[in-house]
Amino acid sequence: MTNNTNHWNITPREAREIQKSLRKHLVFDLDDLDVHLLGGVDISYSKKTNKMYAAVVILNANDLKVIGVGQAVMDATFPYIPGLLTFREGPAASKAFQNLDVKPDVIIFDGQGFAHPRFFGIACHLGLLWNIPSIGCAKKRLVGTYIEPTLKAKSQSDLTFHDQIIGRVLRTRHGVKPVFVSKGYRLALDAAVKIVIQSCAGYRLPEPTRLAHQIVNQMRMQYES
């Protein structure tokens, strides 16, 4: 399905209908997961053109060392519309995922999962399409309300929207801004939070997405130098 061009070449109205339709296929049946390979996804945009630079990084879960990288460069054809990020970044991210030699046990997205206006952010969408357990770990809130967690590392609070818990506000490092963790596909929320905590290495962001961010920025500078 990730190769289906028609899935991406659509209007914003059609994109919202796809989100509502695919959301019915989400399951969160894993309360725990034995993780050996961690994946992280990030996208960087050109400052000069409409190109996107995508990377999927695979880390060894034991030592958080990089063992594989998939990359892709594509033109962005879908407009930037909050809540429809997948339709802009999905083609490039999917191509990078296809370029991997090994596939991860779980993948973390620098974006939303269930913490989304239609409960179907990029982590839900691509986790479902790629058929892999996935987690949304965003730097900013898209929807919902919460009580600020304490400044202590690993402190957390619920993110709620329409009277339900849609994610967790997690302080990954003492005194830094929290991240917004939500379930994407297969993993329950507590399991997703546990994996994010285990994948941090002293920085605000988990290592898979932090390193993916470094790689896409390097790609952008190399291509545009």
C-alpha atoms as a PDB file:
ATOM      1  CA  MET A   1       0.000   0.000   0.000  1.00  0.00           C
ATOM      2  CA  THR A   2       2.972   2.318   0.562  1.00  0.00           C
ATOM      3  CA  ASN A   3       3.623   2.091  -3.185  1.00  0.00           C
ATOM      4  CA  ASN A   4       0.112   3.195  -4.061  1.00  0.00           C
ATOM      5  CA  THR A   5       0.527   6.642  -5.616  1.00  0.00           C
ATOM      6  CA  ASN A   6      -3.236   7.222  -5.530  1.00  0.00           C
ATOM      7  CA  HIS A   7      -3.104   7.076  -1.726  1.00  0.00           C
ATOM      8  CA  TRP A   8      -1.122  10.340  -1.730  1.00  0.00           C
ATOM      9  CA  ASN A   9      -2.264  12.140  -4.893  1.00  0.00           C
ATOM     10  CA  ILE A  10      -5.531  13.452  -3.453  1.00  0.00           C
ATOM     11  CA  THR A  11      -7.294  16.573  -2.202  1.00  0.00           C
ATOM     12  CA  PRO A  12      -7.348  17.684   1.465  1.00  0.00           C
ATOM     13  CA  ARG A  13     -11.006  16.699   1.702  1.00  0.00           C
ATOM     14  CA  GLU A  14     -10.225  13.212   0.404  1.00  0.00           C
ATOM     15  CA  ALA A  15      -7.284  13.009   2.816  1.00  0.00           C
ATOM     16  CA  ARG A  16      -9.557  13.597   5.808  1.00  0.00           C
ATOM     17  CA  GLU A  17     -11.919  10.884   4.591  1.00  0.00           C
ATOM     18  CA  ILE A  18      -8.990   8.466   4.240  1.00  0.00           C
ATOM     19  CA  GLN A  19      -7.954   9.194   7.811  1.00  0.00           C
ATOM     20  CA  LYS A  20     -11.441   8.461   9.091  1.00  0.00           C
ATOM     21  CA  SER A  21     -11.651   5.258   7.049  1.00  0.00           C
ATOM     22  CA  LEU A  22      -8.226   3.885   7.973  1.00  0.00           C
ATOM     23  CA  ARG A  23      -8.661   4.765  11.657  1.00  0.00           C
ATOM     24  CA  LYS A  24     -11.112   1.870  11.940  1.00  0.00           C
ATOM     25  CA  HIS A  25      -8.225  -0.541  11.332  1.00  0.00           C
ATOM     26  CA  LEU A  26      -6.126   0.653  14.259  1.00  0.00           C
ATOM     27  CA  VAL A  27      -5.447  -1.855  17.046  1.00  0.00           C
ATOM     28  CA  PHE A  28      -3.527  -1.351  20.272  1.00  0.00           C
ATOM     29  CA  ASP A  29      -3.125  -4.928  21.387  1.00  0.00           C
ATOM     30  CA  LEU A  30       0.462  -4.918  22.663  1.00  0.00           C
ATOM     31  CA  ASP A  31       0.969  -4.078  26.346  1.00  0.00           C
ATOM     32  CA  ASP A  32       4.655  -4.888  26.003  1.00  0.00           C
ATOM     33  CA  LEU A  33       7.143  -5.569  23.231  1.00  0.00           C
ATOM     34  CA  ASP A  34      10.527  -7.264  23.127  1.00  0.00           C
ATOM     35  CA  VAL A  35      12.523  -4.690  21.165  1.00  0.00           C
ATOM     36  CA  HIS A  36      15.838  -5.518  19.529  1.00  0.00           C
ATOM     37  CA  LEU A  37      15.793  -2.957  16.712  1.00  0.00           C
ATOM     38  CA  LEU A  38      14.505   0.593  17.169  1.00  0.00           C
ATOM     39  CA  GLY A  39      13.490   2.781  14.242  1.00  0.00           C
ATOM     40  CA  GLY A  40      13.187   6.547  14.006  1.00  0.00           C
ATOM     41  CA  VAL A  41      11.771   8.754  11.239  1.00  0.00           C
ATOM     42  CA  ASP A  42      12.318  12.410  10.440  1.00  0.00           C
ATOM     43  CA  ILE A  43      11.885  14.786   7.492  1.00  0.00           C
ATOM     44  CA  SER A  44      13.740  17.980   6.610  1.00  0.00           C
ATOM     45  CA  TYR A  45      12.494  20.536   4.102  1.00  0.00           C
ATOM     46  CA  SER A  46      14.626  22.449   1.649  1.00  0.00           C
ATOM     47  CA  LYS A  47      14.976  26.146   2.336  1.00  0.00           C
ATOM     48  CA  LYS A  48      15.300  26.806  -1.410  1.00  0.00           C
ATOM     49  CA  THR A  49      12.967  24.391  -3.206  1.00  0.00           C
ATOM     50  CA  ASN A  50      10.002  22.128  -2.487  1.00  0.00           C
ATOM     51  CA  LYS A  51      12.192  19.087  -1.837  1.00  0.00           C
ATOM     52  CA  MET A  52      11.920  16.888   1.249  1.00  0.00           C
ATOM     53  CA  TYR A  53      14.739  14.843   2.742  1.00  0.00           C
ATOM     54  CA  ALA A  54      13.599  11.736   4.619  1.00  0.00           C
ATOM     55  CA  ALA A  55      15.503   9.275   6.779  1.00  0.00           C
ATOM     56  CA  VAL A  56      14.585   6.155   8.709  1.00  0.00           C
ATOM     57  CA  VAL A  57      17.297   5.194  11.179  1.00  0.00           C
ATOM     58  CA  ILE A  58      17.628   1.730  12.754  1.00  0.00           C
ATOM     59  CA  LEU A  59      19.372   1.394  16.121  1.00  0.00           C
ATOM     60  CA  ASN A  60      20.388  -1.562  18.229  1.00  0.00           C
ATOM     61  CA  ALA A  61      18.099  -1.305  21.258  1.00  0.00           C
ATOM     62  CA  ASN A  62      20.828  -2.475  23.653  1.00  0.00           C
ATOM     63  CA  ASP A  63      23.460   0.177  22.954  1.00  0.00           C
ATOM     64  CA  LEU A  64      21.546   2.627  20.719  1.00  0.00           C
ATOM     65  CA  LYS A  65      24.147   2.334  17.962  1.00  0.00           C
ATOM     66  CA  VAL A  66      23.114   2.901  14.342  1.00  0.00           C
ATOM     67  CA  ILE A  67      22.963  -0.303  12.282  1.00  0.00           C
ATOM     68  CA  GLY A  68      20.993   0.896   9.266  1.00  0.00           C
ATOM     69  CA  VAL A  69      19.689   3.986   7.473  1.00  0.00           C
ATOM     70  CA  GLY A  70      17.125   4.374   4.696  1.00  0.00           C
ATOM     71  CA  GLN A  71      17.063   7.679   2.832  1.00  0.00           C
ATOM     72  CA  ALA A  72      14.907   9.380   0.230  1.00  0.00           C
ATOM     73  CA  VAL A  73      14.646  12.740  -1.510  1.00  0.00           C
ATOM     74  CA  MET A  74      11.329  13.778  -3.049  1.00  0.00           C
ATOM     75  CA  ASP A  75       9.348  16.852  -4.011  1.00  0.00           C
ATOM     76  CA  ALA A  76       6.560  17.854  -1.647  1.00  0.00           C
ATOM     77  CA  THR A  77       3.333  17.903  -3.660  1.00  0.00           C
ATOM     78  CA  PHE A  78       0.716  18.100  -0.889  1.00  0.00           C
ATOM     79  CA  PRO A  79       0.251  21.465   0.894  1.00  0.00           C
ATOM     80  CA  TYR A  80       1.167  21.998   4.531  1.00  0.00           C
ATOM     81  CA  ILE A  81      -2.101  21.621   6.443  1.00  0.00           C
ATOM     82  CA  PRO A  82      -2.114  20.934  10.204  1.00  0.00           C
ATOM     83  CA  GLY A  83      -3.581  17.494  10.828  1.00  0.00           C
ATOM     84  CA  LEU A  84      -2.731  16.248   7.331  1.00  0.00           C
ATOM     85  CA  LEU A  85       1.039  16.034   7.681  1.00  0.00           C
ATOM     86  CA  THR A  86       1.138  12.395   6.572  1.00  0.00           C
ATOM     87  CA  PHE A  87      -0.063  13.257   3.083  1.00  0.00           C
ATOM     88  CA  ARG A  88       2.801  15.701   2.688  1.00  0.00           C
ATOM     89  CA  GLU A  89       5.588  13.638   4.261  1.00  0.00           C
ATOM     90  CA  GLY A  90       4.270  10.094   3.805  1.00  0.00           C
ATOM     91  CA  PRO A  91       5.605   9.470   0.280  1.00  0.00           C
ATOM     92  CA  ALA A  92       9.195  10.397   1.188  1.00  0.00           C
ATOM     93  CA  ALA A  93       9.102   8.592   4.536  1.00  0.00           C
ATOM     94  CA  SER A  94       7.689   5.466   2.871  1.00  0.00           C
ATOM     95  CA  LYS A  95      10.381   5.485   0.195  1.00  0.00           C
ATOM     96  CA  ALA A  96      13.076   5.787   2.880  1.00  0.00           C
ATOM     97  CA  PHE A  97      11.483   2.891   4.781  1.00  0.00           C
ATOM     98  CA  GLN A  98      11.506   0.747   1.645  1.00  0.00           C
ATOM     99  CA  ASN A  99      15.223   1.505   1.226  1.00  0.00           C
ATOM    100  CA  LEU A 100      16.117  -0.157   4.540  1.00  0.00           C
ATOM    101  CA  ASP A 101      18.058  -3.414   4.520  1.00  0.00           C
ATOM    102  CA  VAL A 102      16.605  -4.399   7.911  1.00  0.00           C
ATOM    103  CA  LYS A 103      13.254  -3.546   9.451  1.00  0.00           C
ATOM    104  CA  PRO A 104      12.806  -2.430  13.085  1.00  0.00           C
ATOM    105  CA  ASP A 105      10.631  -4.024  15.764  1.00  0.00           C
ATOM    106  CA  VAL A 106       9.107  -0.639  16.540  1.00  0.00           C
ATOM    107  CA  ILE A 107       9.363   2.780  14.950  1.00  0.00           C
ATOM    108  CA  ILE A 108       9.166   6.244  16.535  1.00  0.00           C
ATOM    109  CA  PHE A 109       7.924   9.233  14.545  1.00  0.00           C
ATOM    110  CA  ASP A 110       8.779  12.870  15.147  1.00  0.00           C
ATOM    111  CA  GLY A 111       5.082  13.695  15.046  1.00  0.00           C
ATOM    112  CA  GLN A 112       1.681  12.779  16.417  1.00  0.00           C
ATOM    113  CA  GLY A 113      -0.003   9.428  16.683  1.00  0.00           C
ATOM    114  CA  PHE A 114      -3.397   9.156  18.397  1.00  0.00           C
ATOM    115  CA  ALA A 115      -2.999  12.713  19.777  1.00  0.00           C
ATOM    116  CA  HIS A 116      -4.577  14.163  16.663  1.00  0.00           C
ATOM    117  CA  PRO A 117      -7.870  15.935  15.806  1.00  0.00           C
ATOM    118  CA  ARG A 118      -9.125  12.781  14.055  1.00  0.00           C
ATOM    119  CA  PHE A 119      -7.087  10.386  16.215  1.00  0.00           C
ATOM    120  CA  PHE A 120      -4.956   9.428  13.228  1.00  0.00           C
ATOM    121  CA  GLY A 121      -1.622  11.213  13.050  1.00  0.00           C
ATOM    122  CA  ILE A 122       1.427  10.213  11.042  1.00  0.00           C
ATOM    123  CA  ALA A 123       2.524   7.530  13.534  1.00  0.00           C
ATOM    124  CA  CYS A 124      -0.892   5.836  13.283  1.00  0.00           C
ATOM    125  CA  HIS A 125      -1.094   6.228   9.525  1.00  0.00           C
ATOM    126  CA  LEU A 126       2.355   4.988   8.543  1.00  0.00           C
ATOM    127  CA  GLY A 127       2.497   2.387  11.301  1.00  0.00           C
ATOM    128  CA  LEU A 128      -0.681   0.896   9.852  1.00  0.00           C
ATOM    129  CA  LEU A 129       0.493   1.140   6.226  1.00  0.00           C
ATOM    130  CA  TRP A 130       3.906  -0.315   7.038  1.00  0.00           C
ATOM    131  CA  ASN A 131       2.376  -2.897   9.391  1.00  0.00           C
ATOM    132  CA  ILE A 132       4.787  -2.167  12.232  1.00  0.00           C
ATOM    133  CA  PRO A 133       4.270  -1.144  15.883  1.00  0.00           C
ATOM    134  CA  SER A 134       4.685   2.617  16.038  1.00  0.00           C
ATOM    135  CA  ILE A 135       4.845   5.568  18.414  1.00  0.00           C
ATOM    136  CA  GLY A 136       4.269   9.281  18.005  1.00  0.00           C
ATOM    137  CA  CYS A 137       6.759  11.454  19.910  1.00  0.00           C
ATOM    138  CA  ALA A 138       6.151  15.085  19.051  1.00  0.00           C
ATOM    139  CA  LYS A 139       7.933  18.198  20.245  1.00  0.00           C
ATOM    140  CA  LYS A 140       4.692  20.187  20.336  1.00  0.00           C
ATOM    141  CA  ARG A 141       1.073  19.525  21.229  1.00  0.00           C
ATOM    142  CA  LEU A 142      -1.438  19.478  18.396  1.00  0.00           C
ATOM    143  CA  VAL A 143      -4.620  19.015  20.439  1.00  0.00           C
ATOM    144  CA  GLY A 144      -5.575  18.303  24.026  1.00  0.00           C
ATOM    145  CA  THR A 145      -5.058  19.690  27.517  1.00  0.00           C
ATOM    146  CA  TYR A 146      -2.697  18.623  30.283  1.00  0.00           C
ATOM    147  CA  ILE A 147      -1.157  19.525  33.607  1.00  0.00           C
ATOM    148  CA  GLU A 148       2.537  20.360  33.322  1.00  0.00           C
ATOM    149  CA  PRO A 149       4.590  17.437  34.689  1.00  0.00           C
ATOM    150  CA  THR A 150       7.195  18.134  37.363  1.00  0.00           C
ATOM    151  CA  LEU A 151      10.699  19.142  36.282  1.00  0.00           C
ATOM    152  CA  LYS A 152      12.094  15.728  37.215  1.00  0.00           C
ATOM    153  CA  ALA A 153      13.171  13.413  34.383  1.00  0.00           C
ATOM    154  CA  LYS A 154      10.577  10.709  33.557  1.00  0.00           C
ATOM    155  CA  SER A 155       7.760  12.709  35.182  1.00  0.00           C
ATOM    156  CA  GLN A 156       4.593  12.628  33.105  1.00  0.00           C
ATOM    157  CA  SER A 157       0.947  13.613  32.910  1.00  0.00           C
ATOM    158  CA  ASP A 158      -2.032  12.645  30.769  1.00  0.00           C
ATOM    159  CA  LEU A 159      -2.922  14.501  27.595  1.00  0.00           C
ATOM    160  CA  THR A 160      -6.719  14.552  27.233  1.00  0.00           C
ATOM    161  CA  PHE A 161      -9.025  15.487  24.381  1.00  0.00           C
ATOM    162  CA  HIS A 162     -12.821  15.107  24.228  1.00  0.00           C
ATOM    163  CA  ASP A 163     -12.828  13.463  27.665  1.00  0.00           C
ATOM    164  CA  GLN A 164     -10.373  10.716  26.769  1.00  0.00           C
ATOM    165  CA  ILE A 165      -6.672  10.178  27.276  1.00  0.00           C
ATOM    166  CA  ILE A 166      -4.948  10.546  23.910  1.00  0.00           C
ATOM    167  CA  GLY A 167      -1.321  10.675  24.987  1.00  0.00           C
ATOM    168  CA  ARG A 168       1.231  11.344  27.663  1.00  0.00           C
ATOM    169  CA  VAL A 169       3.255  14.489  28.341  1.00  0.00           C
ATOM    170  CA  LEU A 170       6.710  13.179  29.239  1.00  0.00           C
ATOM    171  CA  ARG A 171       9.726  14.965  30.692  1.00  0.00           C
ATOM    172  CA  THR A 172      12.598  12.994  29.162  1.00  0.00           C
ATOM    173  CA  ARG A 173      15.335  15.058  30.819  1.00  0.00           C
ATOM    174  CA  HIS A 174      15.367  17.137  34.004  1.00  0.00           C
ATOM    175  CA  GLY A 175      14.268  20.696  33.404  1.00  0.00           C
ATOM    176  CA  VAL A 176      13.808  20.488  29.620  1.00  0.00           C
ATOM    177  CA  LYS A 177      10.548  20.901  27.731  1.00  0.00           C
ATOM    178  CA  PRO A 178       8.433  17.727  27.681  1.00  0.00           C
ATOM    179  CA  VAL A 179       7.605  15.680  24.621  1.00  0.00           C
ATOM    180  CA  PHE A 180       4.138  14.480  23.641  1.00  0.00           C
ATOM    181  CA  VAL A 181       3.954  10.708  23.360  1.00  0.00           C
ATOM    182  CA  SER A 182       0.989   8.913  21.835  1.00  0.00           C
ATOM    183  CA  LYS A 183       0.263   5.449  20.543  1.00  0.00           C
ATOM    184  CA  GLY A 184       0.567   4.942  16.808  1.00  0.00           C
ATOM    185  CA  TYR A 185      -0.200   1.346  15.883  1.00  0.00           C
ATOM    186  CA  ARG A 186      -0.320  -1.886  17.908  1.00  0.00           C
ATOM    187  CA  LEU A 187       1.325  -0.518  21.081  1.00  0.00           C
ATOM    188  CA  ALA A 188      -0.722   0.555  24.103  1.00  0.00           C
ATOM    189  CA  LEU A 189       0.134   3.957  25.574  1.00  0.00           C
ATOM    190  CA  ASP A 190       2.073   2.712  28.609  1.00  0.00           C
ATOM    191  CA  ALA A 191       4.174   0.466  26.367  1.00  0.00           C
ATOM    192  CA  ALA A 192       4.859   3.381  24.019  1.00  0.00           C
ATOM    193  CA  VAL A 193       5.984   5.623  26.891  1.00  0.00           C
ATOM    194  CA  LYS A 194       8.236   2.868  28.254  1.00  0.00           C
ATOM    195  CA  ILE A 195       9.981   2.469  24.900  1.00  0.00           C
ATOM    196  CA  VAL A 196      10.481   6.229  24.506  1.00  0.00           C
ATOM    197  CA  ILE A 197      12.075   6.428  27.962  1.00  0.00           C
ATOM    198  CA  GLN A 198      14.345   3.470  27.210  1.00  0.00           C
ATOM    199  CA  SER A 199      15.411   4.973  23.888  1.00  0.00           C
ATOM    200  CA  CYS A 200      16.576   8.289  25.342  1.00  0.00           C
ATOM    201  CA  ALA A 201      20.296   8.820  25.882  1.00  0.00           C
ATOM    202  CA  GLY A 202      20.483  12.013  27.893  1.00  0.00           C
ATOM    203  CA  TYR A 203      18.798  14.244  25.333  1.00  0.00           C
ATOM    204  CA  ARG A 204      15.282  15.623  25.110  1.00  0.00           C
ATOM    205  CA  LEU A 205      14.394  13.495  22.076  1.00  0.00           C
ATOM    206  CA  PRO A 206      14.683   9.707  21.830  1.00  0.00           C
ATOM    207  CA  GLU A 207      17.809   8.604  19.980  1.00  0.00           C
ATOM    208  CA  PRO A 208      16.039   7.185  16.891  1.00  0.00           C
ATOM    209  CA  THR A 209      14.359  10.473  15.964  1.00  0.00           C
ATOM    210  CA  ARG A 210      17.232  12.624  17.228  1.00  0.00           C
ATOM    211  CA  LEU A 211      19.695  10.835  14.959  1.00  0.00           C
ATOM    212  CA  ALA A 212      17.218  10.777  12.062  1.00  0.00           C
ATOM    213  CA  HIS A 213      16.950  14.548  12.451  1.00  0.00           C
ATOM    214  CA  GLN A 214      20.728  14.910  12.238  1.00  0.00           C
ATOM    215  CA  ILE A 215      20.875  12.749   9.126  1.00  0.00           C
ATOM    216  CA  VAL A 216      18.144  14.585   7.202  1.00  0.00           C
ATOM    217  CA  ASN A 217      19.768  17.923   7.964  1.00  0.00           C
ATOM    218  CA  GLN A 218      23.090  16.561   6.707  1.00  0.00           C
ATOM    219  CA  MET A 219      21.343  15.333   3.564  1.00  0.00           C
ATOM    220  CA  ARG A 220      19.785  18.726   2.977  1.00  0.00           C
ATOM    221  CA  MET A 221      23.102  20.554   3.384  1.00  0.00           C
ATOM    222  CA  GLN A 222      24.906  18.104   1.084  1.00  0.00           C
ATOM    223  CA  TYR A 223      22.291  18.321  -1.661  1.00  0.00           C
ATOM    224  CA  GLU A 224      22.018  22.094  -1.489  1.00  0.00           C
ATOM    225  CA  SER A 225      25.678  23.008  -1.063  1.00  0.00           C
END
